[in-house]
Protein backbone atom coordinates (compact mmCIF):
# COMPACT_ATOMS: atom_id res chain seq x y z
CA MET A 1 -60.22 -60.78 78.97
CA PRO A 2 -56.98 -61.49 77.10
CA PRO A 3 -54.56 -58.62 76.52
CA PRO A 4 -54.83 -56.92 73.14
CA SER A 5 -52.67 -58.49 70.47
CA PRO A 6 -49.52 -56.55 69.63
CA ARG A 7 -49.69 -54.47 66.50
CA ARG A 8 -47.30 -55.43 63.78
CA LEU A 9 -45.87 -52.74 61.57
CA ARG A 10 -45.95 -53.37 57.85
CA ALA A 11 -43.59 -51.88 55.27
CA LEU A 12 -45.24 -50.29 52.28
CA SER A 13 -43.65 -50.31 48.86
CA PRO A 14 -42.61 -46.92 47.46
CA ALA A 15 -45.37 -47.29 44.85
CA MET A 16 -48.02 -47.90 47.52
CA GLN A 17 -46.70 -44.99 49.61
CA ALA A 18 -46.91 -42.75 46.53
CA ARG A 19 -50.49 -43.94 45.90
CA LEU A 20 -51.48 -43.14 49.51
CA ASP A 21 -49.93 -39.67 49.18
CA LEU A 22 -51.89 -39.06 45.95
CA LEU A 23 -55.14 -40.34 47.46
CA ARG A 24 -54.64 -38.11 50.53
CA ARG A 25 -54.10 -35.01 48.34
CA TRP A 26 -57.22 -35.78 46.27
CA SER A 27 -59.25 -36.50 49.39
CA THR A 28 -58.33 -33.09 50.77
CA GLN A 29 -59.22 -31.43 47.45
CA LEU A 30 -62.63 -33.12 47.33
CA ASP A 31 -63.65 -32.81 51.00
CA SER A 32 -61.80 -30.08 52.89
CA VAL A 33 -59.62 -27.75 50.79
CA PHE A 34 -61.77 -24.64 51.41
CA GLU A 35 -62.90 -23.03 54.68
CA ILE A 36 -65.79 -20.66 55.32
CA PRO A 37 -64.12 -17.78 57.20
CA GLY A 38 -65.33 -17.30 60.75
CA LEU A 39 -67.34 -20.52 60.80
CA GLY A 40 -64.54 -23.07 60.52
CA ILE A 41 -66.63 -25.17 58.14
CA ARG A 42 -64.42 -26.96 55.65
CA PHE A 43 -65.55 -28.28 52.28
CA GLY A 44 -64.00 -29.27 49.00
CA TRP A 45 -64.80 -29.68 45.34
CA ASP A 46 -67.29 -32.52 46.00
CA PRO A 47 -70.31 -30.31 46.81
CA ILE A 48 -69.31 -27.84 44.09
CA LEU A 49 -69.09 -30.59 41.45
CA GLY A 50 -72.38 -31.95 42.81
CA LEU A 51 -74.10 -28.82 41.51
CA LEU A 52 -73.47 -30.07 37.96
CA PRO A 53 -76.39 -32.44 37.24
CA GLY A 54 -75.24 -36.00 36.66
CA LEU A 55 -71.55 -35.29 36.19
CA GLY A 56 -70.68 -34.22 39.73
CA ASP A 57 -72.43 -37.16 41.33
CA MET A 58 -70.53 -39.59 39.10
CA VAL A 59 -66.98 -38.22 39.51
CA THR A 60 -66.53 -38.30 43.27
CA PRO A 61 -67.81 -41.87 43.88
CA LEU A 62 -65.25 -43.12 41.35
CA TYR A 63 -62.47 -41.52 43.38
CA SER A 64 -63.98 -42.92 46.59
CA ILE A 65 -63.88 -46.42 45.14
CA ALA A 66 -60.12 -45.98 44.55
CA ILE A 67 -59.64 -45.56 48.32
CA VAL A 68 -61.68 -48.71 49.04
CA VAL A 69 -59.79 -50.72 46.39
CA THR A 70 -56.47 -49.60 47.90
CA GLY A 71 -57.71 -50.79 51.29
CA MET A 72 -58.57 -54.15 49.78
CA GLN A 73 -55.13 -54.41 48.18
CA LEU A 74 -53.50 -53.64 51.54
CA GLY A 75 -55.60 -56.35 53.17
CA ILE A 76 -57.14 -54.16 55.86
CA PRO A 77 -59.85 -55.91 57.93
CA ARG A 78 -62.99 -56.72 55.94
CA VAL A 79 -65.29 -54.91 58.38
CA VAL A 80 -63.21 -51.75 57.87
CA GLN A 81 -63.49 -52.23 54.09
CA LEU A 82 -67.26 -52.59 54.53
CA ARG A 83 -67.38 -49.44 56.63
CA MET A 84 -65.49 -47.57 53.91
CA LEU A 85 -67.83 -48.90 51.22
CA LEU A 86 -70.90 -47.89 53.25
CA ASN A 87 -69.44 -44.37 53.60
CA VAL A 88 -69.17 -44.23 49.80
CA ILE A 89 -72.68 -45.60 49.22
CA LEU A 90 -74.28 -43.20 51.70
CA ASP A 91 -72.36 -40.28 50.17
CA ALA A 92 -73.41 -41.28 46.64
CA VAL A 93 -77.09 -41.95 47.45
CA VAL A 94 -77.75 -38.82 49.51
CA GLY A 95 -75.42 -36.77 47.30
CA ALA A 96 -77.62 -37.56 44.29
CA VAL A 97 -80.54 -35.60 45.77
CA PRO A 98 -80.47 -32.07 44.31
CA ILE A 99 -79.52 -29.28 46.77
CA VAL A 100 -79.95 -31.49 49.87
CA GLY A 101 -77.19 -33.76 48.58
CA ASP A 102 -74.84 -30.84 48.05
CA ALA A 103 -75.41 -29.61 51.60
CA PHE A 104 -74.89 -33.17 52.81
CA ASP A 105 -71.57 -33.31 50.93
CA VAL A 106 -70.34 -30.33 52.97
CA ALA A 107 -71.00 -32.21 56.23
CA TRP A 108 -70.38 -35.85 55.25
CA LYS A 109 -66.73 -36.09 54.28
CA ALA A 110 -66.63 -39.71 53.16
CA ASN A 111 -63.27 -39.38 51.42
CA ASP A 112 -61.51 -37.81 54.41
CA TRP A 113 -63.05 -40.42 56.74
CA ASN A 114 -62.08 -43.27 54.44
CA MET A 115 -58.52 -41.96 54.14
CA ARG A 116 -58.25 -41.88 57.95
CA LEU A 117 -59.51 -45.46 58.11
CA LEU A 118 -57.13 -46.51 55.34
CA GLU A 119 -54.13 -44.83 56.95
CA ARG A 120 -55.00 -46.24 60.38
CA HIS A 121 -54.71 -49.75 58.93
CA ALA A 122 -52.13 -49.22 56.15
CA TRP A 123 -48.95 -49.41 58.21
CA GLU A 124 -50.14 -51.34 61.22
CA GLU A 125 -51.89 -54.64 61.09
CA ARG A 126 -54.62 -53.70 63.50
CA PRO A 127 -57.93 -55.37 64.26
CA PRO A 128 -61.16 -53.48 63.54
CA SER A 129 -62.36 -51.22 66.34
CA ARG A 130 -65.69 -51.42 68.14
CA GLY A 131 -66.64 -48.23 66.30
CA ASP A 132 -66.09 -49.96 62.95
CA TRP A 133 -68.48 -52.74 63.94
CA LEU A 134 -71.06 -50.32 65.41
CA PHE A 135 -71.05 -48.20 62.24
CA VAL A 136 -71.56 -51.24 60.00
CA ILE A 137 -74.34 -52.63 62.21
CA ALA A 138 -76.09 -49.24 62.41
CA ILE A 139 -75.99 -48.71 58.64
CA ALA A 140 -77.21 -52.27 58.05
CA ALA A 141 -80.12 -51.67 60.45
CA VAL A 142 -81.05 -48.42 58.70
CA MET A 143 -80.86 -50.12 55.29
CA LEU A 144 -83.13 -52.92 56.51
CA ALA A 145 -85.58 -50.34 57.86
CA VAL A 146 -85.56 -48.47 54.55
CA ILE A 147 -86.41 -51.72 52.79
CA ALA A 148 -88.93 -52.98 55.38
CA ILE A 149 -90.98 -49.82 55.99
CA PRO A 150 -92.37 -49.54 52.43
CA LEU A 151 -93.10 -53.28 52.33
CA VAL A 152 -94.95 -53.23 55.66
CA THR A 153 -96.81 -50.08 54.61
CA LEU A 154 -97.83 -51.73 51.34
CA TRP A 155 -99.01 -54.83 53.21
CA PHE A 156 -101.19 -52.72 55.54
CA LEU A 157 -102.49 -50.67 52.59
CA VAL A 158 -103.49 -53.81 50.66
CA ARG A 159 -105.26 -55.22 53.73
CA TRP A 160 -107.07 -51.90 54.29
CA ILE A 161 -108.20 -51.70 50.67
CA ALA A 162 -109.30 -55.34 50.68
CA GLY A 163 -111.48 -54.54 53.67
CA PRO A 164 -112.45 -56.61 56.70
CA GLY A 165 -112.76 -60.34 56.28
CA ALA A 166 -110.80 -60.45 53.03
């Protein structure tokens, strides 16, 4: 196995550094600004805004997309960009379910996770990790299952209704 390639440091423009600082502050506000005393559970405005029908579930994905777009502009590895996008999609889809989605938003901190991914790759040109690939593959497998299960069920249901020999 060849040795890992050396990481090259990249200089960020003052404007990009300021954008990362702003995104980090907003990420903290949305995902982890508050703490439940004694439990150590952190949450932010995301699950609180999610209680407002329609509005809350529209605001936070827009912010999340800003993190992904910044990653694209910095040229971080595509599989890391895909992982970030899947974090956003999962957060938006499950977050849209009333009550369950709000509880999910307390546990699934897509913005904080995406900021960590972005910052891991912002200054260093680093290849994607095995965890990045595993996450993307696992989410893709789950998405395929979500699509396939209803189709297979429908196929069996049609055959059952049609009866034997049809």
